PDB file of N, CA and C in Angstrom:
ATOM      1  N   MET A   1     -37.838  19.695 -24.040  1.00  0.00           N
ATOM      2  CA  MET A   1     -38.138  18.530 -22.820  1.00  0.00           C
ATOM      3  C   MET A   1     -36.089  17.954 -23.135  1.00  0.00           C
ATOM      4  N   LEU A   2     -36.077  17.397 -24.537  1.00  0.00           N
ATOM      5  CA  LEU A   2     -35.095  16.659 -24.276  1.00  0.00           C
ATOM      6  C   LEU A   2     -34.121  17.700 -24.161  1.00  0.00           C
ATOM      7  N   GLY A   3     -33.754  18.806 -24.052  1.00  0.00           N
ATOM      8  CA  GLY A   3     -32.713  19.984 -24.006  1.00  0.00           C
ATOM      9  C   GLY A   3     -32.137  20.149 -22.161  1.00  0.00           C
ATOM     10  N   ASN A   4     -33.463  19.381 -21.545  1.00  0.00           N
ATOM     11  CA  ASN A   4     -32.861  19.399 -20.278  1.00  0.00           C
ATOM     12  C   ASN A   4     -32.300  17.859 -19.983  1.00  0.00           C
ATOM     13  N   ILE A   5     -31.366  17.502 -21.009  1.00  0.00           N
ATOM     14  CA  ILE A   5     -30.651  16.084 -20.229  1.00  0.00           C
ATOM     15  C   ILE A   5     -29.561  16.722 -19.781  1.00  0.00           C
ATOM     16  N   GLY A   6     -29.307  16.775 -18.826  1.00  0.00           N
ATOM     17  CA  GLY A   6     -27.556  16.986 -18.204  1.00  0.00           C
ATOM     18  C   GLY A   6     -26.461  16.024 -17.999  1.00  0.00           C
ATOM     19  N   PRO A   7     -25.515  16.746 -17.108  1.00  0.00           N
ATOM     20  CA  PRO A   7     -24.483  15.514 -17.044  1.00  0.00           C
ATOM     21  C   PRO A   7     -24.720  13.768 -16.473  1.00  0.00           C
ATOM     22  N   LEU A   8     -25.727  14.730 -14.891  1.00  0.00           N
ATOM     23  CA  LEU A   8     -26.249  13.722 -14.282  1.00  0.00           C
ATOM     24  C   LEU A   8     -27.239  12.256 -15.057  1.00  0.00           C
ATOM     25  N   GLU A   9     -28.045  13.365 -15.706  1.00  0.00           N
ATOM     26  CA  GLU A   9     -28.668  12.044 -16.090  1.00  0.00           C
ATOM     27  C   GLU A   9     -28.074  11.422 -17.542  1.00  0.00           C
ATOM     28  N   ILE A  10     -26.606  11.832 -17.849  1.00  0.00           N
ATOM     29  CA  ILE A  10     -26.592  10.812 -18.751  1.00  0.00           C
ATOM     30  C   ILE A  10     -25.375  10.073 -17.727  1.00  0.00           C
ATOM     31  N   LEU A  11     -25.229   9.914 -16.907  1.00  0.00           N
ATOM     32  CA  LEU A  11     -24.346   9.543 -15.824  1.00  0.00           C
ATOM     33  C   LEU A  11     -25.073   8.043 -15.292  1.00  0.00           C
ATOM     34  N   VAL A  12     -26.386   8.333 -14.991  1.00  0.00           N
ATOM     35  CA  VAL A  12     -26.951   7.458 -14.537  1.00  0.00           C
ATOM     36  C   VAL A  12     -27.365   6.140 -15.784  1.00  0.00           C
ATOM     37  N   VAL A  13     -27.541   7.471 -17.100  1.00  0.00           N
ATOM     38  CA  VAL A  13     -28.005   5.994 -17.877  1.00  0.00           C
ATOM     39  C   VAL A  13     -26.713   5.314 -18.466  1.00  0.00           C
ATOM     40  N   LEU A  14     -25.587   5.442 -18.058  1.00  0.00           N
ATOM     41  CA  LEU A  14     -24.668   4.511 -18.681  1.00  0.00           C
ATOM     42  C   LEU A  14     -24.487   3.667 -17.180  1.00  0.00           C
ATOM     43  N   ILE A  15     -25.031   4.178 -15.827  1.00  0.00           N
ATOM     44  CA  ILE A  15     -24.541   3.110 -14.563  1.00  0.00           C
ATOM     45  C   ILE A  15     -25.330   2.415 -15.374  1.00  0.00           C
ATOM     46  N   ILE A  16     -26.981   2.175 -15.382  1.00  0.00           N
ATOM     47  CA  ILE A  16     -27.782   1.414 -15.726  1.00  0.00           C
ATOM     48  C   ILE A  16     -27.304   0.514 -17.259  1.00  0.00           C
ATOM     49  N   ALA A  17     -26.902   0.757 -18.391  1.00  0.00           N
ATOM     50  CA  ALA A  17     -26.445  -0.086 -19.047  1.00  0.00           C
ATOM     51  C   ALA A  17     -25.077  -0.577 -18.932  1.00  0.00           C
ATOM     52  N   LEU A  18     -24.585  -0.258 -18.093  1.00  0.00           N
ATOM     53  CA  LEU A  18     -23.072  -1.243 -17.341  1.00  0.00           C
ATOM     54  C   LEU A  18     -23.863  -2.677 -17.037  1.00  0.00           C
ATOM     55  N   VAL A  19     -24.754  -1.954 -15.705  1.00  0.00           N
ATOM     56  CA  VAL A  19     -25.515  -3.154 -14.897  1.00  0.00           C
ATOM     57  C   VAL A  19     -26.311  -3.562 -16.118  1.00  0.00           C
ATOM     58  N   VAL A  20     -26.501  -3.392 -16.803  1.00  0.00           N
ATOM     59  CA  VAL A  20     -27.863  -4.784 -18.071  1.00  0.00           C
ATOM     60  C   VAL A  20     -26.552  -5.322 -18.849  1.00  0.00           C
ATOM     61  N   PHE A  21     -25.728  -5.240 -19.653  1.00  0.00           N
ATOM     62  CA  PHE A  21     -25.107  -5.358 -20.564  1.00  0.00           C
ATOM     63  C   PHE A  21     -23.634  -5.866 -20.072  1.00  0.00           C
ATOM     64  N   GLY A  22     -22.909  -5.377 -18.775  1.00  0.00           N
ATOM     65  CA  GLY A  22     -21.965  -5.616 -18.509  1.00  0.00           C
ATOM     66  C   GLY A  22     -20.784  -4.935 -18.927  1.00  0.00           C
ATOM     67  N   PRO A  23     -19.586  -4.700 -18.665  1.00  0.00           N
ATOM     68  CA  PRO A  23     -18.396  -4.357 -18.889  1.00  0.00           C
ATOM     69  C   PRO A  23     -17.907  -5.064 -20.123  1.00  0.00           C
ATOM     70  N   LYS A  24     -17.610  -6.345 -20.034  1.00  0.00           N
ATOM     71  CA  LYS A  24     -17.066  -6.767 -21.469  1.00  0.00           C
ATOM     72  C   LYS A  24     -17.548  -6.154 -23.086  1.00  0.00           C
ATOM     73  N   ARG A  25     -19.551  -6.293 -22.796  1.00  0.00           N
ATOM     74  CA  ARG A  25     -20.062  -6.271 -23.796  1.00  0.00           C
ATOM     75  C   ARG A  25     -20.706  -4.785 -24.259  1.00  0.00           C
ATOM     76  N   LEU A  26     -20.377  -3.546 -23.280  1.00  0.00           N
ATOM     77  CA  LEU A  26     -20.317  -2.240 -23.654  1.00  0.00           C
ATOM     78  C   LEU A  26     -19.783  -1.846 -24.483  1.00  0.00           C
ATOM     79  N   PRO A  27     -18.523  -1.818 -24.594  1.00  0.00           N
ATOM     80  CA  PRO A  27     -17.635  -1.436 -25.653  1.00  0.00           C
ATOM     81  C   PRO A  27     -17.841  -1.609 -27.153  1.00  0.00           C
ATOM     82  N   GLU A  28     -18.478  -3.416 -27.172  1.00  0.00           N
ATOM     83  CA  GLU A  28     -19.162  -3.528 -28.676  1.00  0.00           C
ATOM     84  C   GLU A  28     -20.475  -2.905 -28.782  1.00  0.00           C
ATOM     85  N   LEU A  29     -21.314  -2.466 -27.898  1.00  0.00           N
ATOM     86  CA  LEU A  29     -22.284  -1.530 -28.282  1.00  0.00           C
ATOM     87  C   LEU A  29     -22.129  -0.494 -29.229  1.00  0.00           C
ATOM     88  N   GLY A  30     -21.468   0.453 -28.119  1.00  0.00           N
ATOM     89  CA  GLY A  30     -21.379   1.502 -28.413  1.00  0.00           C
ATOM     90  C   GLY A  30     -19.987   1.860 -30.172  1.00  0.00           C
ATOM     91  N   SER A  31     -18.994   0.754 -30.146  1.00  0.00           N
ATOM     92  CA  SER A  31     -18.549   0.765 -31.852  1.00  0.00           C
ATOM     93  C   SER A  31     -19.556   0.234 -32.570  1.00  0.00           C
ATOM     94  N   SER A  32     -20.514  -0.603 -32.478  1.00  0.00           N
ATOM     95  CA  SER A  32     -21.699  -1.166 -33.113  1.00  0.00           C
ATOM     96  C   SER A  32     -22.962   0.135 -33.451  1.00  0.00           C
ATOM     97  N   LEU A  33     -23.004   0.285 -32.256  1.00  0.00           N
ATOM     98  CA  LEU A  33     -23.644   2.163 -32.123  1.00  0.00           C
ATOM     99  C   LEU A  33     -22.928   3.109 -33.293  1.00  0.00           C
ATOM    100  N   GLY A  34     -21.736   3.601 -33.260  1.00  0.00           N
ATOM    101  CA  GLY A  34     -21.069   4.524 -33.597  1.00  0.00           C
ATOM    102  C   GLY A  34     -20.739   3.908 -35.187  1.00  0.00           C
ATOM    103  N   ARG A  35     -20.937   2.946 -35.587  1.00  0.00           N
ATOM    104  CA  ARG A  35     -20.441   2.298 -36.349  1.00  0.00           C
ATOM    105  C   ARG A  35     -21.656   2.581 -37.765  1.00  0.00           C
ATOM    106  N   GLY A  36     -23.180   2.010 -36.673  1.00  0.00           N
ATOM    107  CA  GLY A  36     -24.296   2.348 -37.503  1.00  0.00           C
ATOM    108  C   GLY A  36     -24.692   3.941 -37.723  1.00  0.00           C
ATOM    109  N   ILE A  37     -24.350   4.457 -36.747  1.00  0.00           N
ATOM    110  CA  ILE A  37     -24.822   5.882 -36.930  1.00  0.00           C
ATOM    111  C   ILE A  37     -23.723   6.626 -38.427  1.00  0.00           C
ATOM    112  N   ARG A  38     -22.244   6.356 -38.762  1.00  0.00           N
ATOM    113  CA  ARG A  38     -22.165   6.776 -39.820  1.00  0.00           C
ATOM    114  C   ARG A  38     -22.690   5.776 -40.738  1.00  0.00           C
ATOM    115  N   GLU A  39     -22.618   4.597 -40.842  1.00  0.00           N
ATOM    116  CA  GLU A  39     -23.622   4.384 -42.148  1.00  0.00           C
ATOM    117  C   GLU A  39     -24.771   5.136 -42.778  1.00  0.00           C
ATOM    118  N   PHE A  40     -25.567   5.310 -41.796  1.00  0.00           N
ATOM    119  CA  PHE A  40     -26.882   6.170 -42.014  1.00  0.00           C
ATOM    120  C   PHE A  40     -26.121   7.008 -42.478  1.00  0.00           C
ATOM    121  N   ARG A  41     -25.468   7.966 -41.753  1.00  0.00           N
ATOM    122  CA  ARG A  41     -24.773   9.423 -42.356  1.00  0.00           C
ATOM    123  C   ARG A  41     -24.577   9.072 -44.162  1.00  0.00           C
ATOM    124  N   ASP A  42     -23.593   8.235 -43.942  1.00  0.00           N
ATOM    125  CA  ASP A  42     -22.668   7.868 -45.521  1.00  0.00           C
ATOM    126  C   ASP A  42     -23.881   7.602 -46.672  1.00  0.00           C
ATOM    127  N   THR A  43     -24.871   6.952 -46.249  1.00  0.00           N
ATOM    128  CA  THR A  43     -26.523   6.214 -46.837  1.00  0.00           C
ATOM    129  C   THR A  43     -26.985   7.522 -47.021  1.00  0.00           C
ATOM    130  N   VAL A  44     -27.361   8.904 -46.057  1.00  0.00           N
ATOM    131  CA  VAL A  44     -28.207   9.400 -46.652  1.00  0.00           C
ATOM    132  C   VAL A  44     -27.499  10.727 -47.368  1.00  0.00           C
ATOM    133  N   SER A  45     -26.054  10.964 -47.115  1.00  0.00           N
ATOM    134  CA  SER A  45     -25.518  12.070 -47.872  1.00  0.00           C
ATOM    135  C   SER A  45     -25.009  11.720 -49.007  1.00  0.00           C
ATOM    136  N   GLY A  46     -24.659  10.682 -49.140  1.00  0.00           N
ATOM    137  CA  GLY A  46     -24.550  10.077 -50.432  1.00  0.00           C
ATOM    138  C   GLY A  46     -23.051  10.376 -51.096  1.00  0.00           C
ATOM    139  N   ASP A  47     -22.079  10.499 -49.886  1.00  0.00           N
ATOM    140  CA  ASP A  47     -20.799  10.732 -49.783  1.00  0.00           C
ATOM    141  C   ASP A  47     -20.118   9.663 -49.804  1.00  0.00           C
ATOM    142  N   LYS A  48     -20.470   8.574 -49.900  1.00  0.00           N
ATOM    143  CA  LYS A  48     -19.311   7.209 -49.782  1.00  0.00           C
ATOM    144  C   LYS A  48     -18.774   7.007 -51.106  1.00  0.00           C
ATOM    145  N   PRO A  49     -17.522   7.091 -51.139  1.00  0.00           N
ATOM    146  CA  PRO A  49     -16.842   6.547 -52.434  1.00  0.00           C
ATOM    147  C   PRO A  49     -17.300   5.457 -53.261  1.00  0.00           C
ATOM    148  N   GLY A  50     -17.503   4.169 -52.169  1.00  0.00           N
ATOM    149  CA  GLY A  50     -17.446   3.148 -53.167  1.00  0.00           C
ATOM    150  C   GLY A  50     -18.683   2.515 -52.805  1.00  0.00           C
ATOM    151  N   ASP A  51     -19.580   3.029 -53.308  1.00  0.00           N
ATOM    152  CA  ASP A  51     -21.416   3.315 -53.284  1.00  0.00           C
ATOM    153  C   ASP A  51     -21.597   1.302 -53.913  1.00  0.00           C
ATOM    154  N   ASP A  52     -22.836   0.804 -54.140  1.00  0.00           N
ATOM    155  CA  ASP A  52     -23.162   0.313 -55.392  1.00  0.00           C
ATOM    156  C   ASP A  52     -23.190   1.110 -56.686  1.00  0.00           C
ATOM    157  N   ASP A  53     -23.658   1.862 -56.935  1.00  0.00           N
ATOM    158  CA  ASP A  53     -23.667   2.329 -57.675  1.00  0.00           C
ATOM    159  C   ASP A  53     -22.390   2.257 -58.960  1.00  0.00           C
ATOM    160  N   SER A  54     -20.853   2.175 -58.821  1.00  0.00           N
ATOM    161  CA  SER A  54     -19.559   2.279 -59.291  1.00  0.00           C
ATOM    162  C   SER A  54     -19.792   0.457 -59.741  1.00  0.00           C
ATOM    163  N   GLU A  55     -20.378  -0.323 -58.478  1.00  0.00           N
ATOM    164  CA  GLU A  55     -20.346  -2.010 -58.773  1.00  0.00           C
ATOM    165  C   GLU A  55     -20.654  -2.522 -59.677  1.00  0.00           C
ATOM    166  N   ALA A  56     -22.366  -1.448 -59.962  1.00  0.00           N
ATOM    167  CA  ALA A  56     -23.454  -2.153 -61.090  1.00  0.00           C
ATOM    168  C   ALA A  56     -22.486  -1.611 -62.568  1.00  0.00           C
ATOM    169  N   LYS A  57     -21.954  -0.311 -62.249  1.00  0.00           N
ATOM    170  CA  LYS A  57     -21.094   0.062 -63.690  1.00  0.00           C
ATOM    171  C   LYS A  57     -19.508  -1.243 -63.900  1.00  0.00           C
ATOM    172  N   ARG A  58     -19.319  -0.840 -62.918  1.00  0.00           N
ATOM    173  CA  ARG A  58     -17.901  -2.497 -63.638  1.00  0.00           C
ATOM    174  C   ARG A  58     -18.399  -3.707 -64.264  1.00  0.00           C
ATOM    175  N   LEU A  59     -19.473  -3.750 -63.465  1.00  0.00           N
ATOM    176  CA  LEU A  59     -20.204  -5.160 -63.863  1.00  0.00           C
ATOM    177  C   LEU A  59     -20.520  -5.540 -65.481  1.00  0.00           C
ATOM    178  N   GLU A  60     -21.401  -4.218 -65.492  1.00  0.00           N
ATOM    179  CA  GLU A  60     -22.080  -4.302 -66.835  1.00  0.00           C
ATOM    180  C   GLU A  60     -21.135  -3.615 -68.296  1.00  0.00           C
ATOM    181  N   SER A  61     -19.790  -3.424 -67.505  1.00  0.00           N
ATOM    182  CA  SER A  61     -18.683  -2.829 -68.548  1.00  0.00           C
ATOM    183  C   SER A  61     -18.846  -3.915 -69.684  1.00  0.00           C
ATOM    184  N   PRO A  62     -18.381  -3.874 -71.003  1.00  0.00           N
ATOM    185  CA  PRO A  62     -18.187  -5.414 -71.610  1.00  0.00           C
ATOM    186  C   PRO A  62     -16.402  -5.620 -71.864  1.00  0.00           C
ATOM    187  N   GLY A  63     -15.671  -4.855 -71.173  1.00  0.00           N
ATOM    188  CA  GLY A  63     -14.763  -5.810 -70.903  1.00  0.00           C
ATOM    189  C   GLY A  63     -14.082  -5.894 -69.446  1.00  0.00           C
ATOM    190  N   ALA A  64     -15.433  -6.362 -68.858  1.00  0.00           N
ATOM    191  CA  ALA A  64     -15.376  -7.292 -67.542  1.00  0.00           C
ATOM    192  C   ALA A  64     -14.602  -8.730 -67.709  1.00  0.00           C
ATOM    193  N   PRO A  65     -14.382  -9.052 -66.522  1.00  0.00           N
ATOM    194  CA  PRO A  65     -13.448 -10.022 -66.700  1.00  0.00           C
ATOM    195  C   PRO A  65     -14.886 -11.485 -66.674  1.00  0.00           C
ATOM    196  N   ALA A  66     -14.613 -12.771 -67.059  1.00  0.00           N
ATOM    197  CA  ALA A  66     -15.716 -13.526 -67.356  1.00  0.00           C
ATOM    198  C   ALA A  66     -14.988 -14.221 -66.349  1.00  0.00           C
ATOM    199  N   SER A  67     -16.709 -15.550 -66.062  1.00  0.00           N
ATOM    200  CA  SER A  67     -16.766 -16.261 -64.404  1.00  0.00           C
ATOM    201  C   SER A  67     -15.447 -16.846 -64.940  1.00  0.00           C
ATOM    202  N   THR A  68     -15.213 -17.397 -64.149  1.00  0.00           N
ATOM    203  CA  THR A  68     -14.706 -18.815 -63.645  1.00  0.00           C
ATOM    204  C   THR A  68     -14.568 -19.871 -64.435  1.00  0.00           C
ATOM    205  N   ALA A  69     -16.132 -20.124 -64.772  1.00  0.00           N
ATOM    206  CA  ALA A  69     -16.939 -21.409 -65.199  1.00  0.00           C
ATOM    207  C   ALA A  69     -16.878 -21.346 -66.858  1.00  0.00           C
ATOM    208  N   GLU A  70     -16.568 -19.965 -67.512  1.00  0.00           N
ATOM    209  CA  GLU A  70     -16.102 -19.690 -68.897  1.00  0.00           C
ATOM    210  C   GLU A  70     -15.146 -20.169 -69.140  1.00  0.00           C
ATOM    211  N   GLU A  71     -13.964 -19.484 -68.343  1.00  0.00           N
ATOM    212  CA  GLU A  71     -12.715 -19.599 -68.454  1.00  0.00           C
ATOM    213  C   GLU A  71     -12.101 -20.701 -68.410  1.00  0.00           C
ATOM    214  N   GLN A  72     -12.423 -21.941 -67.719  1.00  0.00           N
ATOM    215  CA  GLN A  72     -12.075 -22.987 -67.579  1.00  0.00           C
ATOM    216  C   GLN A  72     -12.035 -24.030 -69.087  1.00  0.00           C
ATOM    217  N   PRO A  73     -10.681 -24.483 -69.756  1.00  0.00           N
ATOM    218  CA  PRO A  73     -11.631 -25.325 -70.681  1.00  0.00           C
ATOM    219  C   PRO A  73     -12.017 -26.464 -70.257  1.00  0.00           C
ATOM    220  N   GLU A  74     -12.822 -27.414 -71.295  1.00  0.00           N
ATOM    221  CA  GLU A  74     -13.501 -28.034 -70.957  1.00  0.00           C
ATOM    222  C   GLU A  74     -12.591 -29.044 -70.724  1.00  0.00           C
ATOM    223  N   ARG A  75     -12.530 -30.856 -70.013  1.00  0.00           N
ATOM    224  CA  ARG A  75     -11.908 -31.795 -69.744  1.00  0.00           C
ATOM    225  C   ARG A  75     -12.671 -33.160 -70.565  1.00  0.00           C
ATOM    226  N   GLU A  76     -11.738 -33.714 -71.390  1.00  0.00           N
ATOM    227  CA  GLU A  76     -12.025 -35.243 -71.714  1.00  0.00           C
ATOM    228  C   GLU A  76     -12.328 -35.717 -70.634  1.00  0.00           C
ATOM    229  N   VAL A  77     -13.255 -36.887 -70.618  1.00  0.00           N
ATOM    230  CA  VAL A  77     -13.287 -37.732 -69.742  1.00  0.00           C
ATOM    231  C   VAL A  77     -12.648 -39.297 -70.162  1.00  0.00           C
ATOM    232  N   VAL A  78     -11.467 -38.991 -69.695  1.00  0.00           N
ATOM    233  CA  VAL A  78     -11.005 -40.667 -70.549  1.00  0.00           C
ATOM    234  C   VAL A  78     -11.010 -41.979 -69.827  1.00  0.00           C
ATOM    235  N   SER A  79     -11.208 -42.950 -69.559  1.00  0.00           N
ATOM    236  CA  SER A  79     -11.473 -44.180 -69.308  1.00  0.00           C
ATOM    237  C   SER A  79     -11.122 -45.489 -69.769  1.00  0.00           C
ATOM    238  N   ASP A  80     -10.184 -45.864 -68.650  1.00  0.00           N
ATOM    239  CA  ASP A  80      -9.320 -47.282 -69.847  1.00  0.00           C
ATOM    240  C   ASP A  80     -10.113 -48.547 -69.052  1.00  0.00           C
ATOM    241  N   LYS A  81     -10.951 -48.989 -69.886  1.00  0.00           N
ATOM    242  CA  LYS A  81     -11.491 -49.890 -69.005  1.00  0.00           C
ATOM    243  C   LYS A  81     -10.555 -51.118 -70.209  1.00  0.00           C
ATOM    244  N   ARG A  82     -10.300 -52.439 -69.204  1.00  0.00           N
ATOM    245  CA  ARG A  82      -9.343 -53.503 -69.562  1.00  0.00           C
ATOM    246  C   ARG A  82     -10.448 -54.568 -69.047  1.00  0.00           C
ATOM    247  N   ALA A  83     -10.648 -55.507 -69.895  1.00  0.00           N
ATOM    248  CA  ALA A  83     -11.280 -56.415 -70.223  1.00  0.00           C
ATOM    249  C   ALA A  83     -10.451 -57.684 -69.766  1.00  0.00           C
TER     250      ALA A  83
END
């Protein structure tokens, strides 16, 4: 059934999408659809170089940088009370 889609059917679907979403919104929809398909493909194949596993390994390493709260020295509060 899906093999019978020809250029005329695709054109009709694109014209309906143009009428429904408008000319300004259609490129955004196309790019977000492409981005979603690309992310899905990368997730399924596992070929993405910056995946979450490397982030977790970096955070668990002993040489990981300390948080900003630990790096800052404590400040003494000095109040000058004159009577």
